[in-house]
Amino acid sequence: KLKRIKEVAEHLFRERGYEATTIRDISEGADVAVGTIFLYFKDKSDLLIKLYDEALETTWQAVLAEEPRDTLLENLLTAFAKLLEFHARDSRLAITYLKEVLSQDASQGWSEGLNRFLEQLTSLVQQAQDRGEVMRGVNALQAARNFFALYYAALTGMLSGSLTAEMTVQHFLKPALELQLHGVMSKGGSQ
């Protein structure tokens, strides 16, 4: 039943749009009672967020399974490009997902998914530290948060404008990450 509910909901969200899809539409399409949906999901927003999070997690795991690149910049660009491509496939649904996620409180899973993502970004930074590419004294978690912030800015920029995922990576994200990695202080500059 859960599989049918998810499949029908995803199809209807993509075909009709999130706002035009009702829980009743999903229950009829999945051939389950409305109450059955509420056994699995708190509301329509919860259903969308969980569906999207699963697809996002699958995409991210596929990225992590790829052969690592030589540099932290290459690893970040490859990972973020794949995630941007994922969101660009249905930008209308991606925008709705972000709105719904941002309207939820952290106790409903957003922080859990974000924390997993940050842990994996932190691991990429630590691997770069092990290779001598990033200074040992750099706080890997803070660096991961900074990289995530740049990715998120690229994502919202892409979703709000007419840039493709590839253009967003090349014209916004790559220069921003390079600047973050190189820093802005001169060698003799004061801190």
Foldseek 3Di string as FASTA:
>chain_A
DVVQLLVQLVVCCQPVNLVVDALVSSCVSSVHDSVVVCVPAVGSLRSLLVSVLVVLVVQQVVLVPDDADDALLVSLLSNLLSSLQVCLVRLRSSVVNVVSLVVDDVVSPPVVSVVVQLVVQLVSVVVCVVVVNAPPPDDSSVLSVVLVVQSVVLNVVVSVDPDGSVCSSVPRNSVVVVCSSVDDADPPGDD
